[in-house]
Amino acid sequence: MTAANIISEAEILGKKLAEEKVTVSQLRKFLSAVNSISNKLEAQNEFTEDIVNEIQYLRVKLAYQSARKYCLKDFAANLNDKIKSISSKKEYEEFAKYVEAIIAYHKFNGGAN
């Protein structure tokens, strides 16, 4: 995924989430989990099986959050497919940037606190 694709997709999804009144705290919980994995990956500097398992566990977190708030279903479906396809450190780093960009555009478009 190129930087331009990451940004344009994130802008669309972030705006949609803001329009659907998704709160920043709902999104930041997921971002916190993503950042935790990013920190572990940086500290270990290798793409271990434990890291892969934690990345795949993000799908469970998405399922839980989307079950609590229906308007997160599109967000969860979009990210779930991306998580399934992560098979390298580079792909994970692109995914982490994508999540960060979604939240930035959500906030930029007046996302609820």
PDB file of N, CA and C in Angstrom:
ATOM      1  N   MET A   1       0.859  -1.177   0.000  1.00  0.00           N
ATOM      2  CA  MET A   1       0.000   0.000   0.000  1.00  0.00           C
ATOM      3  C   MET A   1       0.901   1.235   0.000  1.00  0.00           C
ATOM      4  N   THR A   2       0.665   2.137  -0.917  1.00  0.00           N
ATOM      5  CA  THR A   2       1.473   3.351  -0.990  1.00  0.00           C
ATOM      6  C   THR A   2       0.990   4.375   0.024  1.00  0.00           C
ATOM      7  N   ALA A   3       1.839   5.346   0.291  1.00  0.00           N
ATOM      8  CA  ALA A   3       1.464   6.408   1.234  1.00  0.00           C
ATOM      9  C   ALA A   3       0.224   7.143   0.747  1.00  0.00           C
ATOM     10  N   ALA A   4       0.130   7.373  -0.555  1.00  0.00           N
ATOM     11  CA  ALA A   4      -1.033   8.068  -1.115  1.00  0.00           C
ATOM     12  C   ALA A   4      -2.310   7.257  -0.890  1.00  0.00           C
ATOM     13  N   ASN A   5      -2.232   5.945  -1.054  1.00  0.00           N
ATOM     14  CA  ASN A   5      -3.398   5.082  -0.813  1.00  0.00           C
ATOM     15  C   ASN A   5      -3.794   5.085   0.653  1.00  0.00           C
ATOM     16  N   ILE A   6      -2.799   4.999   1.522  1.00  0.00           N
ATOM     17  CA  ILE A   6      -3.065   5.023   2.962  1.00  0.00           C
ATOM     18  C   ILE A   6      -3.817   6.301   3.321  1.00  0.00           C
ATOM     19  N   ILE A   7      -3.323   7.410   2.838  1.00  0.00           N
ATOM     20  CA  ILE A   7      -3.911   8.702   3.185  1.00  0.00           C
ATOM     21  C   ILE A   7      -5.316   8.852   2.616  1.00  0.00           C
ATOM     22  N   SER A   8      -5.504   8.513   1.349  1.00  0.00           N
ATOM     23  CA  SER A   8      -6.827   8.715   0.751  1.00  0.00           C
ATOM     24  C   SER A   8      -7.873   7.784   1.366  1.00  0.00           C
ATOM     25  N   GLU A   9      -7.520   6.516   1.605  1.00  0.00           N
ATOM     26  CA  GLU A   9      -8.462   5.599   2.261  1.00  0.00           C
ATOM     27  C   GLU A   9      -8.773   6.048   3.684  1.00  0.00           C
ATOM     28  N   ALA A  10      -7.753   6.469   4.405  1.00  0.00           N
ATOM     29  CA  ALA A  10      -7.935   6.904   5.792  1.00  0.00           C
ATOM     30  C   ALA A  10      -8.797   8.156   5.859  1.00  0.00           C
ATOM     31  N   GLU A  11      -8.623   9.045   4.917  1.00  0.00           N
ATOM     32  CA  GLU A  11      -9.416  10.278   4.897  1.00  0.00           C
ATOM     33  C   GLU A  11     -10.904   9.955   4.726  1.00  0.00           C
ATOM     34  N   ILE A  12     -11.216   9.054   3.821  1.00  0.00           N
ATOM     35  CA  ILE A  12     -12.609   8.669   3.578  1.00  0.00           C
ATOM     36  C   ILE A  12     -13.215   8.005   4.806  1.00  0.00           C
ATOM     37  N   LEU A  13     -12.505   7.031   5.369  1.00  0.00           N
ATOM     38  CA  LEU A  13     -13.025   6.302   6.526  1.00  0.00           C
ATOM     39  C   LEU A  13     -13.102   7.197   7.765  1.00  0.00           C
ATOM     40  N   GLY A  14     -12.084   8.033   7.974  1.00  0.00           N
ATOM     41  CA  GLY A  14     -12.108   8.942   9.122  1.00  0.00           C
ATOM     42  C   GLY A  14     -13.287   9.895   9.061  1.00  0.00           C
ATOM     43  N   LYS A  15     -13.572  10.420   7.886  1.00  0.00           N
ATOM     44  CA  LYS A  15     -14.709  11.337   7.715  1.00  0.00           C
ATOM     45  C   LYS A  15     -16.028  10.608   7.967  1.00  0.00           C
ATOM     46  N   LYS A  16     -16.143   9.404   7.455  1.00  0.00           N
ATOM     47  CA  LYS A  16     -17.361   8.614   7.652  1.00  0.00           C
ATOM     48  C   LYS A  16     -17.593   8.339   9.137  1.00  0.00           C
ATOM     49  N   LEU A  17     -16.539   7.976   9.849  1.00  0.00           N
ATOM     50  CA  LEU A  17     -16.663   7.708  11.282  1.00  0.00           C
ATOM     51  C   LEU A  17     -17.074   8.963  12.051  1.00  0.00           C
ATOM     52  N   ALA A  18     -16.551  10.110  11.646  1.00  0.00           N
ATOM     53  CA  ALA A  18     -16.935  11.366  12.293  1.00  0.00           C
ATOM     54  C   ALA A  18     -18.411  11.663  12.045  1.00  0.00           C
ATOM     55  N   GLU A  19     -18.864  11.444  10.832  1.00  0.00           N
ATOM     56  CA  GLU A  19     -20.272  11.669  10.486  1.00  0.00           C
ATOM     57  C   GLU A  19     -21.195  10.729  11.251  1.00  0.00           C
ATOM     58  N   GLU A  20     -20.708   9.535  11.568  1.00  0.00           N
ATOM     59  CA  GLU A  20     -21.503   8.548  12.301  1.00  0.00           C
ATOM     60  C   GLU A  20     -21.403   8.721  13.813  1.00  0.00           C
ATOM     61  N   LYS A  21     -20.741   9.783  14.238  1.00  0.00           N
ATOM     62  CA  LYS A  21     -20.629  10.141  15.664  1.00  0.00           C
ATOM     63  C   LYS A  21     -19.884   9.111  16.502  1.00  0.00           C
ATOM     64  N   VAL A  22     -18.919   8.444  15.886  1.00  0.00           N
ATOM     65  CA  VAL A  22     -18.037   7.547  16.633  1.00  0.00           C
ATOM     66  C   VAL A  22     -17.148   8.429  17.505  1.00  0.00           C
ATOM     67  N   THR A  23     -16.944   8.037  18.740  1.00  0.00           N
ATOM     68  CA  THR A  23     -16.149   8.875  19.642  1.00  0.00           C
ATOM     69  C   THR A  23     -14.655   8.595  19.484  1.00  0.00           C
ATOM     70  N   VAL A  24     -13.874   9.599  19.832  1.00  0.00           N
ATOM     71  CA  VAL A  24     -12.421   9.483  19.787  1.00  0.00           C
ATOM     72  C   VAL A  24     -11.952   8.368  20.715  1.00  0.00           C
ATOM     73  N   SER A  25     -12.565   8.262  21.883  1.00  0.00           N
ATOM     74  CA  SER A  25     -12.122   7.247  22.842  1.00  0.00           C
ATOM     75  C   SER A  25     -12.337   5.835  22.306  1.00  0.00           C
ATOM     76  N   GLN A  26     -13.394   5.616  21.531  1.00  0.00           N
ATOM     77  CA  GLN A  26     -13.618   4.296  20.957  1.00  0.00           C
ATOM     78  C   GLN A  26     -12.498   3.935  19.980  1.00  0.00           C
ATOM     79  N   LEU A  27     -12.059   4.902  19.211  1.00  0.00           N
ATOM     80  CA  LEU A  27     -10.995   4.657  18.238  1.00  0.00           C
ATOM     81  C   LEU A  27      -9.626   4.592  18.904  1.00  0.00           C
ATOM     82  N   ARG A  28      -9.425   5.410  19.918  1.00  0.00           N
ATOM     83  CA  ARG A  28      -8.123   5.455  20.572  1.00  0.00           C
ATOM     84  C   ARG A  28      -7.817   4.155  21.319  1.00  0.00           C
ATOM     85  N   LYS A  29      -8.830   3.458  21.791  1.00  0.00           N
ATOM     86  CA  LYS A  29      -8.605   2.163  22.435  1.00  0.00           C
ATOM     87  C   LYS A  29      -7.937   1.210  21.455  1.00  0.00           C
ATOM     88  N   PHE A  30      -8.422   1.212  20.226  1.00  0.00           N
ATOM     89  CA  PHE A  30      -7.835   0.341  19.219  1.00  0.00           C
ATOM     90  C   PHE A  30      -6.431   0.827  18.858  1.00  0.00           C
ATOM     91  N   LEU A  31      -6.272   2.145  18.701  1.00  0.00           N
ATOM     92  CA  LEU A  31      -4.956   2.702  18.395  1.00  0.00           C
ATOM     93  C   LEU A  31      -3.958   2.353  19.492  1.00  0.00           C
ATOM     94  N   SER A  32      -4.391   2.368  20.725  1.00  0.00           N
ATOM     95  CA  SER A  32      -3.513   2.014  21.845  1.00  0.00           C
ATOM     96  C   SER A  32      -2.994   0.580  21.700  1.00  0.00           C
ATOM     97  N   ALA A  33      -3.858  -0.327  21.296  1.00  0.00           N
ATOM     98  CA  ALA A  33      -3.445  -1.718  21.087  1.00  0.00           C
ATOM     99  C   ALA A  33      -2.456  -1.817  19.925  1.00  0.00           C
ATOM    100  N   VAL A  34      -2.706  -1.066  18.870  1.00  0.00           N
ATOM    101  CA  VAL A  34      -1.805  -1.047  17.717  1.00  0.00           C
ATOM    102  C   VAL A  34      -0.440  -0.487  18.131  1.00  0.00           C
ATOM    103  N   ASN A  35      -0.451   0.603  18.883  1.00  0.00           N
ATOM    104  CA  ASN A  35       0.806   1.218  19.328  1.00  0.00           C
ATOM    105  C   ASN A  35       1.594   0.299  20.250  1.00  0.00           C
ATOM    106  N   SER A  36       0.896  -0.464  21.071  1.00  0.00           N
ATOM    107  CA  SER A  36       1.562  -1.413  21.962  1.00  0.00           C
ATOM    108  C   SER A  36       2.336  -2.455  21.149  1.00  0.00           C
ATOM    109  N   ILE A  37       1.722  -2.951  20.103  1.00  0.00           N
ATOM    110  CA  ILE A  37       2.398  -3.918  19.227  1.00  0.00           C
ATOM    111  C   ILE A  37       3.571  -3.253  18.513  1.00  0.00           C
ATOM    112  N   SER A  38       3.370  -2.034  18.053  1.00  0.00           N
ATOM    113  CA  SER A  38       4.449  -1.305  17.373  1.00  0.00           C
ATOM    114  C   SER A  38       5.654  -1.145  18.291  1.00  0.00           C
ATOM    115  N   ASN A  39       5.402  -0.835  19.554  1.00  0.00           N
ATOM    116  CA  ASN A  39       6.493  -0.679  20.521  1.00  0.00           C
ATOM    117  C   ASN A  39       7.243  -1.994  20.742  1.00  0.00           C
ATOM    118  N   LYS A  40       6.505  -3.088  20.835  1.00  0.00           N
ATOM    119  CA  LYS A  40       7.148  -4.395  21.000  1.00  0.00           C
ATOM    120  C   LYS A  40       7.968  -4.755  19.774  1.00  0.00           C
ATOM    121  N   LEU A  41       7.423  -4.470  18.611  1.00  0.00           N
ATOM    122  CA  LEU A  41       8.119  -4.769  17.362  1.00  0.00           C
ATOM    123  C   LEU A  41       9.406  -3.957  17.257  1.00  0.00           C
ATOM    124  N   GLU A  42       9.344  -2.716  17.682  1.00  0.00           N
ATOM    125  CA  GLU A  42      10.536  -1.861  17.655  1.00  0.00           C
ATOM    126  C   GLU A  42      11.587  -2.354  18.649  1.00  0.00           C
ATOM    127  N   ALA A  43      11.148  -2.766  19.835  1.00  0.00           N
ATOM    128  CA  ALA A  43      12.080  -3.240  20.859  1.00  0.00           C
ATOM    129  C   ALA A  43      12.738  -4.560  20.453  1.00  0.00           C
ATOM    130  N   GLN A  44      11.958  -5.461  19.865  1.00  0.00           N
ATOM    131  CA  GLN A  44      12.487  -6.769  19.473  1.00  0.00           C
ATOM    132  C   GLN A  44      13.192  -6.723  18.126  1.00  0.00           C
ATOM    133  N   ASN A  45      12.776  -5.793  17.299  1.00  0.00           N
ATOM    134  CA  ASN A  45      13.328  -5.593  15.958  1.00  0.00           C
ATOM    135  C   ASN A  45      13.263  -6.848  15.080  1.00  0.00           C
ATOM    136  N   GLU A  46      12.278  -7.704  15.382  1.00  0.00           N
ATOM    137  CA  GLU A  46      12.045  -8.840  14.497  1.00  0.00           C
ATOM    138  C   GLU A  46      10.574  -9.229  14.562  1.00  0.00           C
ATOM    139  N   PHE A  47      10.101  -9.802  13.496  1.00  0.00           N
ATOM    140  CA  PHE A  47       8.704 -10.163  13.321  1.00  0.00           C
ATOM    141  C   PHE A  47       8.503 -11.597  13.814  1.00  0.00           C
ATOM    142  N   THR A  48       8.306 -11.742  15.124  1.00  0.00           N
ATOM    143  CA  THR A  48       8.211 -13.058  15.754  1.00  0.00           C
ATOM    144  C   THR A  48       6.789 -13.616  15.686  1.00  0.00           C
ATOM    145  N   GLU A  49       6.667 -14.877  16.012  1.00  0.00           N
ATOM    146  CA  GLU A  49       5.347 -15.520  16.047  1.00  0.00           C
ATOM    147  C   GLU A  49       4.453 -14.869  17.102  1.00  0.00           C
ATOM    148  N   ASP A  50       5.033 -14.458  18.229  1.00  0.00           N
ATOM    149  CA  ASP A  50       4.258 -13.766  19.267  1.00  0.00           C
ATOM    150  C   ASP A  50       3.673 -12.464  18.732  1.00  0.00           C
ATOM    151  N   ILE A  51       4.461 -11.735  17.974  1.00  0.00           N
ATOM    152  CA  ILE A  51       3.985 -10.480  17.380  1.00  0.00           C
ATOM    153  C   ILE A  51       2.855 -10.777  16.397  1.00  0.00           C
ATOM    154  N   VAL A  52       3.047 -11.782  15.566  1.00  0.00           N
ATOM    155  CA  VAL A  52       2.004 -12.170  14.596  1.00  0.00           C
ATOM    156  C   VAL A  52       0.713 -12.517  15.321  1.00  0.00           C
ATOM    157  N   ASN A  53       0.812 -13.255  16.411  1.00  0.00           N
ATOM    158  CA  ASN A  53      -0.380 -13.614  17.185  1.00  0.00           C
ATOM    159  C   ASN A  53      -1.060 -12.387  17.771  1.00  0.00           C
ATOM    160  N   GLU A  54      -0.289 -11.454  18.286  1.00  0.00           N
ATOM    161  CA  GLU A  54      -0.872 -10.223  18.824  1.00  0.00           C
ATOM    162  C   GLU A  54      -1.563  -9.405  17.733  1.00  0.00           C
ATOM    163  N   ILE A  55      -0.953  -9.373  16.565  1.00  0.00           N
ATOM    164  CA  ILE A  55      -1.561  -8.652  15.444  1.00  0.00           C
ATOM    165  C   ILE A  55      -2.903  -9.294  15.096  1.00  0.00           C
ATOM    166  N   GLN A  56      -2.934 -10.608  15.005  1.00  0.00           N
ATOM    167  CA  GLN A  56      -4.189 -11.283  14.666  1.00  0.00           C
ATOM    168  C   GLN A  56      -5.233 -11.117  15.772  1.00  0.00           C
ATOM    169  N   TYR A  57      -4.791 -10.994  17.016  1.00  0.00           N
ATOM    170  CA  TYR A  57      -5.720 -10.778  18.137  1.00  0.00           C
ATOM    171  C   TYR A  57      -6.422  -9.425  18.030  1.00  0.00           C
ATOM    172  N   LEU A  58      -5.846  -8.500  17.276  1.00  0.00           N
ATOM    173  CA  LEU A  58      -6.517  -7.215  17.055  1.00  0.00           C
ATOM    174  C   LEU A  58      -7.892  -7.428  16.437  1.00  0.00           C
ATOM    175  N   ARG A  59      -8.065  -8.487  15.681  1.00  0.00           N
ATOM    176  CA  ARG A  59      -9.359  -8.794  15.070  1.00  0.00           C
ATOM    177  C   ARG A  59     -10.422  -9.044  16.135  1.00  0.00           C
ATOM    178  N   VAL A  60     -10.034  -9.662  17.239  1.00  0.00           N
ATOM    179  CA  VAL A  60     -10.960  -9.908  18.341  1.00  0.00           C
ATOM    180  C   VAL A  60     -11.375  -8.576  18.965  1.00  0.00           C
ATOM    181  N   LYS A  61     -10.419  -7.691  19.157  1.00  0.00           N
ATOM    182  CA  LYS A  61     -10.718  -6.372  19.720  1.00  0.00           C
ATOM    183  C   LYS A  61     -11.687  -5.610  18.815  1.00  0.00           C
ATOM    184  N   LEU A  62     -11.489  -5.703  17.515  1.00  0.00           N
ATOM    185  CA  LEU A  62     -12.397  -5.051  16.567  1.00  0.00           C
ATOM    186  C   LEU A  62     -13.797  -5.647  16.652  1.00  0.00           C
ATOM    187  N   ALA A  63     -13.879  -6.952  16.738  1.00  0.00           N
ATOM    188  CA  ALA A  63     -15.185  -7.605  16.823  1.00  0.00           C
ATOM    189  C   ALA A  63     -15.931  -7.147  18.072  1.00  0.00           C
ATOM    190  N   TYR A  64     -15.225  -7.076  19.183  1.00  0.00           N
ATOM    191  CA  TYR A  64     -15.844  -6.637  20.435  1.00  0.00           C
ATOM    192  C   TYR A  64     -16.339  -5.198  20.327  1.00  0.00           C
ATOM    193  N   GLN A  65     -15.501  -4.318  19.804  1.00  0.00           N
ATOM    194  CA  GLN A  65     -15.896  -2.914  19.709  1.00  0.00           C
ATOM    195  C   GLN A  65     -17.045  -2.715  18.733  1.00  0.00           C
ATOM    196  N   SER A  66     -17.029  -3.431  17.621  1.00  0.00           N
ATOM    197  CA  SER A  66     -18.109  -3.257  16.655  1.00  0.00           C
ATOM    198  C   SER A  66     -19.415  -3.842  17.167  1.00  0.00           C
ATOM    199  N   ALA A  67     -19.340  -4.843  18.035  1.00  0.00           N
ATOM    200  CA  ALA A  67     -20.552  -5.400  18.639  1.00  0.00           C
ATOM    201  C   ALA A  67     -21.165  -4.407  19.623  1.00  0.00           C
ATOM    202  N   ARG A  68     -20.332  -3.595  20.245  1.00  0.00           N
ATOM    203  CA  ARG A  68     -20.813  -2.599  21.207  1.00  0.00           C
ATOM    204  C   ARG A  68     -21.404  -1.375  20.515  1.00  0.00           C
ATOM    205  N   LYS A  69     -20.904  -1.053  19.339  1.00  0.00           N
ATOM    206  CA  LYS A  69     -21.357   0.155  18.634  1.00  0.00           C
ATOM    207  C   LYS A  69     -21.502  -0.191  17.160  1.00  0.00           C
ATOM    208  N   TYR A  70     -22.726  -0.255  16.670  1.00  0.00           N
ATOM    209  CA  TYR A  70     -22.999  -0.735  15.318  1.00  0.00           C
ATOM    210  C   TYR A  70     -22.256   0.045  14.243  1.00  0.00           C
ATOM    211  N   CYS A  71     -22.108   1.354  14.405  1.00  0.00           N
ATOM    212  CA  CYS A  71     -21.485   2.161  13.351  1.00  0.00           C
ATOM    213  C   CYS A  71     -19.999   1.844  13.178  1.00  0.00           C
ATOM    214  N   LEU A  72     -19.421   1.056  14.056  1.00  0.00           N
ATOM    215  CA  LEU A  72     -18.024   0.639  13.901  1.00  0.00           C
ATOM    216  C   LEU A  72     -17.878  -0.602  13.027  1.00  0.00           C
ATOM    217  N   LYS A  73     -18.986  -1.138  12.544  1.00  0.00           N
ATOM    218  CA  LYS A  73     -18.926  -2.362  11.736  1.00  0.00           C
ATOM    219  C   LYS A  73     -18.122  -2.162  10.455  1.00  0.00           C
ATOM    220  N   ASP A  74     -18.297  -1.030   9.762  1.00  0.00           N
ATOM    221  CA  ASP A  74     -17.518  -0.763   8.544  1.00  0.00           C
ATOM    222  C   ASP A  74     -16.038  -0.629   8.870  1.00  0.00           C
ATOM    223  N   PHE A  75     -15.752   0.085   9.956  1.00  0.00           N
ATOM    224  CA  PHE A  75     -14.375   0.259  10.424  1.00  0.00           C
ATOM    225  C   PHE A  75     -13.757  -1.109  10.694  1.00  0.00           C
ATOM    226  N   ALA A  76     -14.489  -1.944  11.418  1.00  0.00           N
ATOM    227  CA  ALA A  76     -13.986  -3.269  11.780  1.00  0.00           C
ATOM    228  C   ALA A  76     -13.798  -4.153  10.543  1.00  0.00           C
ATOM    229  N   ALA A  77     -14.756  -4.135   9.645  1.00  0.00           N
ATOM    230  CA  ALA A  77     -14.654  -4.964   8.436  1.00  0.00           C
ATOM    231  C   ALA A  77     -13.452  -4.553   7.595  1.00  0.00           C
ATOM    232  N   ASN A  78     -13.260  -3.254   7.442  1.00  0.00           N
ATOM    233  CA  ASN A  78     -12.135  -2.735   6.660  1.00  0.00           C
ATOM    234  C   ASN A  78     -10.808  -3.169   7.274  1.00  0.00           C
ATOM    235  N   LEU A  79     -10.673  -2.969   8.562  1.00  0.00           N
ATOM    236  CA  LEU A  79      -9.408  -3.295   9.228  1.00  0.00           C
ATOM    237  C   LEU A  79      -9.205  -4.799   9.376  1.00  0.00           C
ATOM    238  N   ASN A  80     -10.275  -5.531   9.556  1.00  0.00           N
ATOM    239  CA  ASN A  80     -10.169  -6.983   9.702  1.00  0.00           C
ATOM    240  C   ASN A  80      -9.503  -7.599   8.469  1.00  0.00           C
ATOM    241  N   ASP A  81      -9.924  -7.175   7.296  1.00  0.00           N
ATOM    242  CA  ASP A  81      -9.317  -7.693   6.065  1.00  0.00           C
ATOM    243  C   ASP A  81      -7.842  -7.330   5.967  1.00  0.00           C
ATOM    244  N   LYS A  82      -7.509  -6.115   6.371  1.00  0.00           N
ATOM    245  CA  LYS A  82      -6.111  -5.675   6.327  1.00  0.00           C
ATOM    246  C   LYS A  82      -5.256  -6.467   7.322  1.00  0.00           C
ATOM    247  N   ILE A  83      -5.799  -6.706   8.514  1.00  0.00           N
ATOM    248  CA  ILE A  83      -5.065  -7.461   9.533  1.00  0.00           C
ATOM    249  C   ILE A  83      -4.783  -8.884   9.048  1.00  0.00           C
ATOM    250  N   LYS A  84      -5.768  -9.511   8.429  1.00  0.00           N
ATOM    251  CA  LYS A  84      -5.603 -10.882   7.932  1.00  0.00           C
ATOM    252  C   LYS A  84      -4.427 -11.003   6.963  1.00  0.00           C
ATOM    253  N   SER A  85      -4.185  -9.939   6.204  1.00  0.00           N
ATOM    254  CA  SER A  85      -3.155 -10.019   5.161  1.00  0.00           C
ATOM    255  C   SER A  85      -1.758  -9.604   5.623  1.00  0.00           C
ATOM    256  N   ILE A  86      -1.600  -9.191   6.872  1.00  0.00           N
ATOM    257  CA  ILE A  86      -0.286  -8.768   7.365  1.00  0.00           C
ATOM    258  C   ILE A  86       0.624  -9.979   7.518  1.00  0.00           C
ATOM    259  N   SER A  87       1.761  -9.934   6.819  1.00  0.00           N
ATOM    260  CA  SER A  87       2.701 -11.062   6.902  1.00  0.00           C
ATOM    261  C   SER A  87       4.150 -10.618   7.050  1.00  0.00           C
ATOM    262  N   SER A  88       4.361  -9.312   7.275  1.00  0.00           N
ATOM    263  CA  SER A  88       5.723  -8.823   7.449  1.00  0.00           C
ATOM    264  C   SER A  88       5.722  -7.574   8.328  1.00  0.00           C
ATOM    265  N   LYS A  89       6.895  -7.240   8.795  1.00  0.00           N
ATOM    266  CA  LYS A  89       7.056  -6.036   9.616  1.00  0.00           C
ATOM    267  C   LYS A  89       6.650  -4.795   8.822  1.00  0.00           C
ATOM    268  N   LYS A  90       7.050  -4.736   7.573  1.00  0.00           N
ATOM    269  CA  LYS A  90       6.713  -3.583   6.725  1.00  0.00           C
ATOM    270  C   LYS A  90       5.203  -3.440   6.561  1.00  0.00           C
ATOM    271  N   GLU A  91       4.517  -4.542   6.325  1.00  0.00           N
ATOM    272  CA  GLU A  91       3.060  -4.490   6.177  1.00  0.00           C
ATOM    273  C   GLU A  91       2.399  -4.036   7.478  1.00  0.00           C
ATOM    274  N   TYR A  92       2.922  -4.490   8.613  1.00  0.00           N
ATOM    275  CA  TYR A  92       2.360  -4.049   9.884  1.00  0.00           C
ATOM    276  C   TYR A  92       2.583  -2.549  10.085  1.00  0.00           C
ATOM    277  N   GLU A  93       3.766  -2.070   9.767  1.00  0.00           N
ATOM    278  CA  GLU A  93       4.053  -0.645   9.921  1.00  0.00           C
ATOM    279  C   GLU A  93       3.128   0.203   9.048  1.00  0.00           C
ATOM    280  N   GLU A  94       2.840  -0.253   7.838  1.00  0.00           N
ATOM    281  CA  GLU A  94       1.894   0.449   6.967  1.00  0.00           C
ATOM    282  C   GLU A  94       0.492   0.435   7.576  1.00  0.00           C
ATOM    283  N   PHE A  95       0.109  -0.699   8.142  1.00  0.00           N
ATOM    284  CA  PHE A  95      -1.189  -0.819   8.800  1.00  0.00           C
ATOM    285  C   PHE A  95      -1.291   0.153   9.978  1.00  0.00           C
ATOM    286  N   ALA A  96      -0.243   0.215  10.787  1.00  0.00           N
ATOM    287  CA  ALA A  96      -0.237   1.112  11.942  1.00  0.00           C
ATOM    288  C   ALA A  96      -0.381   2.574  11.498  1.00  0.00           C
ATOM    289  N   LYS A  97       0.298   2.940  10.424  1.00  0.00           N
ATOM    290  CA  LYS A  97       0.162   4.300   9.881  1.00  0.00           C
ATOM    291  C   LYS A  97      -1.253   4.545   9.390  1.00  0.00           C
ATOM    292  N   TYR A  98      -1.850   3.549   8.789  1.00  0.00           N
ATOM    293  CA  TYR A  98      -3.222   3.653   8.290  1.00  0.00           C
ATOM    294  C   TYR A  98      -4.191   3.917   9.444  1.00  0.00           C
ATOM    295  N   VAL A  99      -4.071   3.158  10.531  1.00  0.00           N
ATOM    296  CA  VAL A  99      -4.943   3.346  11.693  1.00  0.00           C
ATOM    297  C   VAL A  99      -4.754   4.744  12.271  1.00  0.00           C
ATOM    298  N   GLU A 100      -3.517   5.168  12.387  1.00  0.00           N
ATOM    299  CA  GLU A 100      -3.225   6.501  12.905  1.00  0.00           C
ATOM    300  C   GLU A 100      -3.842   7.579  12.018  1.00  0.00           C
ATOM    301  N   ALA A 101      -3.758   7.391  10.717  1.00  0.00           N
ATOM    302  CA  ALA A 101      -4.321   8.362   9.776  1.00  0.00           C
ATOM    303  C   ALA A 101      -5.849   8.411   9.859  1.00  0.00           C
ATOM    304  N   ILE A 102      -6.481   7.268  10.025  1.00  0.00           N
ATOM    305  CA  ILE A 102      -7.946   7.231  10.169  1.00  0.00           C
ATOM    306  C   ILE A 102      -8.363   8.081  11.363  1.00  0.00           C
ATOM    307  N   ILE A 103      -7.680   7.895  12.469  1.00  0.00           N
ATOM    308  CA  ILE A 103      -8.031   8.616  13.689  1.00  0.00           C
ATOM    309  C   ILE A 103      -7.751  10.105  13.535  1.00  0.00           C
ATOM    310  N   ALA A 104      -6.672  10.443  12.860  1.00  0.00           N
ATOM    311  CA  ALA A 104      -6.368  11.856  12.615  1.00  0.00           C
ATOM    312  C   ALA A 104      -7.457  12.504  11.766  1.00  0.00           C
ATOM    313  N   TYR A 105      -7.892  11.832  10.710  1.00  0.00           N
ATOM    314  CA  TYR A 105      -8.948  12.391   9.858  1.00  0.00           C
ATOM    315  C   TYR A 105     -10.300  12.395  10.560  1.00  0.00           C
ATOM    316  N   HIS A 106     -10.531  11.440  11.414  1.00  0.00           N
ATOM    317  CA  HIS A 106     -11.752  11.445  12.230  1.00  0.00           C
ATOM    318  C   HIS A 106     -11.788  12.711  13.075  1.00  0.00           C
ATOM    319  N   LYS A 107     -10.700  12.970  13.758  1.00  0.00           N
ATOM    320  CA  LYS A 107     -10.611  14.163  14.617  1.00  0.00           C
ATOM    321  C   LYS A 107     -10.705  15.439  13.778  1.00  0.00           C
ATOM    322  N   PHE A 108     -10.021  15.474  12.645  1.00  0.00           N
ATOM    323  CA  PHE A 108     -10.018  16.618  11.743  1.00  0.00           C
ATOM    324  C   PHE A 108     -11.440  16.949  11.266  1.00  0.00           C
ATOM    325  N   ASN A 109     -12.237  15.920  11.066  1.00  0.00           N
ATOM    326  CA  ASN A 109     -13.600  16.109  10.583  1.00  0.00           C
ATOM    327  C   ASN A 109     -14.622  16.275  11.704  1.00  0.00           C
ATOM    328  N   GLY A 110     -14.132  16.596  12.885  1.00  0.00           N
ATOM    329  CA  GLY A 110     -15.036  16.900  14.003  1.00  0.00           C
ATOM    330  C   GLY A 110     -15.515  15.704  14.779  1.00  0.00           C
ATOM    331  N   GLY A 111     -14.747  14.627  14.759  1.00  0.00           N
ATOM    332  CA  GLY A 111     -15.129  13.428  15.500  1.00  0.00           C
ATOM    333  C   GLY A 111     -15.460  13.736  16.942  1.00  0.00           C
ATOM    334  N   ALA A 112     -16.498  13.089  17.447  1.00  0.00           N
ATOM    335  CA  ALA A 112     -16.980  13.340  18.805  1.00  0.00           C
ATOM    336  C   ALA A 112     -15.963  12.896  19.851  1.00  0.00           C
ATOM    337  N   ASN A 113     -15.933  13.633  20.946  1.00  0.00           N
ATOM    338  CA  ASN A 113     -15.032  13.294  22.058  1.00  0.00           C
ATOM    339  C   ASN A 113     -15.592  12.270  22.944  1.00  0.00           C
TER     340      ASN A 113
END
